[in-house]
């Protein structure tokens, strides 16, 4: 069943599918060597392979988020380049030349 949010179509999550609750971890506690948070990180990684990492509570995390946002902007700028400009950078054997 399709629905819309702000006029953008999306598909609803099937009601018969099971959903899991992901562990919410705080980067600041991990950096501070909080044993309970570290154990939660280990168990989430071992049992589910997924977790939510809140990086807003630490200066390191905020720096990572800021850098990630800059990289997304850079990726958009590169994607928007003309094909002729992109072709100046050949990829040979997984090495970029240009």
N, C-alpha and C. Protein backbone atom coordinates (compact mmCIF):
# COMPACT_ATOMS: atom_id res chain seq x y z
N UNK A 1 0.84 -1.16 0.00
CA UNK A 1 0.00 0.00 0.00
C UNK A 1 0.89 1.23 0.00
N UNK A 2 0.69 2.15 -0.95
CA UNK A 2 1.48 3.37 -1.03
C UNK A 2 0.77 4.50 -0.31
N UNK A 3 1.53 5.36 0.27
CA UNK A 3 1.02 6.53 0.96
C UNK A 3 1.95 7.68 0.60
N UNK A 4 1.65 8.87 1.07
CA UNK A 4 2.53 9.99 0.77
C UNK A 4 2.83 10.79 2.03
N UNK A 5 4.01 11.33 2.06
CA UNK A 5 4.41 12.30 3.08
C UNK A 5 4.98 13.47 2.31
N UNK A 6 4.42 14.63 2.50
CA UNK A 6 4.84 15.83 1.77
C UNK A 6 4.83 15.57 0.27
N UNK A 7 3.80 14.88 -0.21
CA UNK A 7 3.61 14.56 -1.63
C UNK A 7 4.68 13.63 -2.21
N UNK A 8 5.42 12.92 -1.34
CA UNK A 8 6.41 11.95 -1.79
C UNK A 8 5.87 10.56 -1.46
N UNK A 9 5.68 9.71 -2.48
CA UNK A 9 5.13 8.37 -2.19
C UNK A 9 6.12 7.50 -1.43
N UNK A 10 5.59 6.67 -0.56
CA UNK A 10 6.40 5.68 0.12
C UNK A 10 5.53 4.46 0.39
N UNK A 11 6.18 3.35 0.65
CA UNK A 11 5.46 2.09 0.90
C UNK A 11 5.46 1.84 2.39
N UNK A 12 4.31 1.54 2.94
CA UNK A 12 4.20 1.25 4.36
C UNK A 12 4.88 -0.07 4.69
N UNK A 13 5.43 -0.17 5.88
CA UNK A 13 6.05 -1.39 6.34
C UNK A 13 4.96 -2.45 6.49
N UNK A 14 5.13 -3.63 5.92
CA UNK A 14 4.07 -4.66 6.01
C UNK A 14 3.75 -4.99 7.47
N UNK A 15 2.48 -5.07 7.78
CA UNK A 15 2.07 -5.31 9.16
C UNK A 15 2.39 -6.73 9.63
N UNK A 16 2.58 -7.66 8.71
CA UNK A 16 2.88 -9.03 9.09
C UNK A 16 4.36 -9.25 9.37
N UNK A 17 5.19 -8.28 8.98
CA UNK A 17 6.63 -8.42 9.19
C UNK A 17 6.98 -8.05 10.62
N UNK A 18 7.92 -8.77 11.17
CA UNK A 18 8.38 -8.45 12.51
C UNK A 18 9.40 -7.33 12.45
N UNK A 19 9.40 -6.49 13.44
CA UNK A 19 10.39 -5.43 13.55
C UNK A 19 11.16 -5.63 14.84
N UNK A 20 12.39 -5.23 14.83
CA UNK A 20 13.20 -5.34 16.04
C UNK A 20 13.42 -3.94 16.61
N UNK A 21 13.68 -3.90 17.88
CA UNK A 21 14.04 -2.65 18.51
C UNK A 21 15.55 -2.61 18.62
N UNK A 22 16.13 -1.57 18.05
CA UNK A 22 17.59 -1.45 18.08
C UNK A 22 18.05 -0.82 19.38
N UNK A 23 19.19 -1.28 19.85
CA UNK A 23 19.79 -0.72 21.05
C UNK A 23 20.24 0.70 20.76
N UNK A 24 19.93 1.63 21.63
CA UNK A 24 20.34 3.03 21.51
C UNK A 24 21.56 3.25 22.40
N UNK A 25 22.70 3.53 21.77
CA UNK A 25 23.96 3.68 22.50
C UNK A 25 24.45 5.12 22.42
N UNK A 26 25.14 5.55 23.46
CA UNK A 26 25.68 6.90 23.52
C UNK A 26 27.20 6.87 23.34
N UNK A 27 27.68 7.57 22.34
CA UNK A 27 29.12 7.61 22.06
C UNK A 27 29.89 8.15 23.25
N UNK A 28 29.37 9.17 23.90
CA UNK A 28 30.07 9.77 25.04
C UNK A 28 30.33 8.74 26.14
N UNK A 29 29.36 7.87 26.39
CA UNK A 29 29.54 6.84 27.43
C UNK A 29 30.58 5.81 27.00
N UNK A 30 30.59 5.48 25.72
CA UNK A 30 31.58 4.52 25.22
C UNK A 30 32.99 5.12 25.35
N UNK A 31 33.12 6.39 24.96
CA UNK A 31 34.41 7.07 25.08
C UNK A 31 34.85 7.15 26.54
N UNK A 32 33.88 7.36 27.43
CA UNK A 32 34.19 7.44 28.87
C UNK A 32 34.39 6.08 29.52
N UNK A 33 34.36 5.02 28.70
CA UNK A 33 34.60 3.64 29.15
C UNK A 33 33.56 3.16 30.15
N UNK A 34 32.30 3.57 29.93
CA UNK A 34 31.19 3.09 30.75
C UNK A 34 30.99 1.61 30.45
N UNK A 35 31.19 0.76 31.44
CA UNK A 35 31.17 -0.69 31.23
C UNK A 35 29.82 -1.19 30.75
N UNK A 36 28.73 -0.62 31.24
CA UNK A 36 27.40 -1.04 30.80
C UNK A 36 27.17 -0.70 29.33
N UNK A 37 27.61 0.47 28.92
CA UNK A 37 27.44 0.88 27.52
C UNK A 37 28.32 0.03 26.60
N UNK A 38 29.53 -0.27 27.06
CA UNK A 38 30.43 -1.11 26.27
C UNK A 38 29.86 -2.52 26.14
N UNK A 39 29.31 -3.05 27.21
CA UNK A 39 28.67 -4.38 27.14
C UNK A 39 27.48 -4.35 26.19
N UNK A 40 26.69 -3.28 26.24
CA UNK A 40 25.55 -3.17 25.33
C UNK A 40 26.01 -3.10 23.88
N UNK A 41 27.11 -2.39 23.63
CA UNK A 41 27.68 -2.32 22.29
C UNK A 41 28.11 -3.71 21.82
N UNK A 42 28.80 -4.42 22.68
CA UNK A 42 29.26 -5.77 22.33
C UNK A 42 28.08 -6.69 22.03
N UNK A 43 27.09 -6.71 22.92
CA UNK A 43 25.95 -7.62 22.74
C UNK A 43 25.13 -7.25 21.51
N UNK A 44 24.93 -5.97 21.27
CA UNK A 44 24.19 -5.55 20.09
C UNK A 44 24.92 -5.95 18.82
N UNK A 45 26.23 -5.78 18.83
CA UNK A 45 27.03 -6.15 17.66
C UNK A 45 27.01 -7.66 17.45
N UNK A 46 27.12 -8.40 18.53
CA UNK A 46 27.17 -9.87 18.45
C UNK A 46 25.82 -10.46 18.07
N UNK A 47 24.75 -10.00 18.72
CA UNK A 47 23.44 -10.63 18.55
C UNK A 47 22.66 -10.12 17.35
N UNK A 48 22.69 -8.82 17.11
CA UNK A 48 21.90 -8.25 16.02
C UNK A 48 22.76 -7.79 14.85
N UNK A 49 23.93 -7.28 15.18
CA UNK A 49 24.78 -6.71 14.15
C UNK A 49 24.43 -5.26 13.86
N UNK A 50 23.48 -4.70 14.60
CA UNK A 50 23.03 -3.33 14.39
C UNK A 50 22.79 -2.65 15.73
N UNK A 51 22.93 -1.33 15.72
CA UNK A 51 22.59 -0.52 16.89
C UNK A 51 22.49 0.93 16.43
N UNK A 52 21.85 1.76 17.22
CA UNK A 52 21.79 3.19 16.96
C UNK A 52 22.84 3.86 17.82
N UNK A 53 23.71 4.63 17.21
CA UNK A 53 24.77 5.31 17.94
C UNK A 53 24.48 6.80 17.95
N UNK A 54 24.19 7.33 19.13
CA UNK A 54 23.92 8.75 19.29
C UNK A 54 25.26 9.46 19.49
N UNK A 55 25.63 10.25 18.49
CA UNK A 55 26.91 10.95 18.55
C UNK A 55 26.76 12.41 18.94
N UNK A 56 25.54 12.86 19.19
CA UNK A 56 25.29 14.26 19.51
C UNK A 56 25.73 14.64 20.91
N UNK A 57 26.05 13.68 21.73
CA UNK A 57 26.37 13.97 23.13
C UNK A 57 27.87 14.08 23.40
N UNK A 58 28.68 14.11 22.35
CA UNK A 58 30.12 14.21 22.58
C UNK A 58 30.75 15.12 21.52
N UNK A 59 31.81 15.83 21.88
CA UNK A 59 32.50 16.67 20.90
C UNK A 59 33.04 15.86 19.72
N UNK A 60 33.56 14.67 19.98
CA UNK A 60 34.06 13.81 18.90
C UNK A 60 32.93 13.44 17.95
N UNK A 61 31.78 13.08 18.51
CA UNK A 61 30.65 12.70 17.69
C UNK A 61 30.14 13.85 16.85
N UNK A 62 30.08 15.03 17.46
CA UNK A 62 29.63 16.22 16.72
C UNK A 62 30.59 16.53 15.57
N UNK A 63 31.88 16.34 15.79
CA UNK A 63 32.87 16.57 14.74
C UNK A 63 32.68 15.56 13.60
N UNK A 64 32.41 14.31 13.94
CA UNK A 64 32.16 13.28 12.91
C UNK A 64 30.92 13.64 12.11
N UNK A 65 29.85 14.04 12.78
CA UNK A 65 28.61 14.40 12.09
C UNK A 65 28.82 15.61 11.18
N UNK A 66 29.60 16.58 11.64
CA UNK A 66 29.88 17.76 10.83
C UNK A 66 30.67 17.36 9.58
N UNK A 67 31.68 16.50 9.75
CA UNK A 67 32.47 16.03 8.61
C UNK A 67 31.61 15.23 7.64
N UNK A 68 30.71 14.40 8.17
CA UNK A 68 29.83 13.60 7.31
C UNK A 68 28.93 14.51 6.48
N UNK A 69 28.40 15.55 7.10
CA UNK A 69 27.54 16.50 6.38
C UNK A 69 28.33 17.18 5.25
N UNK A 70 29.59 17.54 5.54
CA UNK A 70 30.43 18.17 4.52
C UNK A 70 30.70 17.20 3.37
N UNK A 71 30.91 15.92 3.70
CA UNK A 71 31.16 14.92 2.65
C UNK A 71 29.92 14.70 1.77
N UNK A 72 28.74 14.74 2.37
CA UNK A 72 27.51 14.61 1.58
C UNK A 72 27.38 15.79 0.61
N UNK A 73 27.71 17.00 1.08
CA UNK A 73 27.67 18.17 0.20
C UNK A 73 28.68 18.04 -0.93
N UNK A 74 29.88 17.56 -0.59
CA UNK A 74 30.91 17.36 -1.61
C UNK A 74 30.47 16.32 -2.63
N UNK A 75 29.88 15.22 -2.15
CA UNK A 75 29.39 14.18 -3.06
C UNK A 75 28.34 14.71 -4.02
N UNK A 76 27.45 15.56 -3.52
CA UNK A 76 26.43 16.17 -4.37
C UNK A 76 27.08 17.07 -5.42
N UNK A 77 28.06 17.85 -4.99
CA UNK A 77 28.76 18.74 -5.93
C UNK A 77 29.46 17.93 -7.02
N UNK A 78 30.10 16.84 -6.63
CA UNK A 78 30.79 15.99 -7.62
C UNK A 78 29.77 15.35 -8.56
N UNK A 79 28.67 14.88 -8.02
CA UNK A 79 27.63 14.26 -8.85
C UNK A 79 27.08 15.25 -9.86
N UNK A 80 27.00 16.53 -9.49
CA UNK A 80 26.44 17.55 -10.36
C UNK A 80 27.41 18.04 -11.43
N UNK A 81 28.69 17.62 -11.38
CA UNK A 81 29.65 18.03 -12.41
C UNK A 81 29.23 17.49 -13.77
N UNK A 82 29.62 18.21 -14.83
CA UNK A 82 29.36 17.73 -16.18
C UNK A 82 30.11 16.43 -16.42
N UNK A 83 29.55 15.60 -17.29
CA UNK A 83 30.17 14.31 -17.61
C UNK A 83 31.59 14.50 -18.12
N UNK A 84 31.81 15.54 -18.93
CA UNK A 84 33.15 15.80 -19.48
C UNK A 84 34.17 16.00 -18.36
N UNK A 85 33.79 16.73 -17.33
CA UNK A 85 34.68 16.96 -16.19
C UNK A 85 34.95 15.65 -15.44
N UNK A 86 33.90 14.85 -15.23
CA UNK A 86 34.06 13.58 -14.52
C UNK A 86 34.97 12.61 -15.28
N UNK A 87 34.91 12.66 -16.61
CA UNK A 87 35.70 11.73 -17.41
C UNK A 87 37.19 12.05 -17.38
N UNK A 88 37.57 13.20 -16.84
CA UNK A 88 38.98 13.54 -16.69
C UNK A 88 39.66 12.67 -15.64
N UNK A 89 38.84 12.06 -14.79
CA UNK A 89 39.35 11.26 -13.68
C UNK A 89 39.09 9.79 -13.97
N UNK A 90 40.06 9.14 -14.60
CA UNK A 90 39.91 7.73 -14.98
C UNK A 90 40.15 6.84 -13.77
N UNK A 91 39.40 5.77 -13.68
CA UNK A 91 39.59 4.78 -12.63
C UNK A 91 40.17 3.53 -13.28
N UNK A 92 41.43 3.26 -12.96
CA UNK A 92 42.11 2.10 -13.50
C UNK A 92 42.59 1.23 -12.35
N UNK A 93 42.18 -0.02 -12.36
CA UNK A 93 42.58 -0.95 -11.30
C UNK A 93 42.31 -0.37 -9.91
N UNK A 94 41.15 0.25 -9.76
CA UNK A 94 40.70 0.81 -8.49
C UNK A 94 41.57 1.99 -8.00
N UNK A 95 42.34 2.58 -8.90
CA UNK A 95 43.16 3.75 -8.57
C UNK A 95 42.64 4.91 -9.42
N UNK A 96 42.42 6.06 -8.78
CA UNK A 96 41.90 7.22 -9.50
C UNK A 96 43.05 8.06 -9.98
N UNK A 97 43.04 8.35 -11.29
CA UNK A 97 44.05 9.23 -11.90
C UNK A 97 43.35 10.48 -12.41
N UNK A 98 44.01 11.62 -12.30
CA UNK A 98 43.43 12.84 -12.87
C UNK A 98 43.91 14.05 -12.17
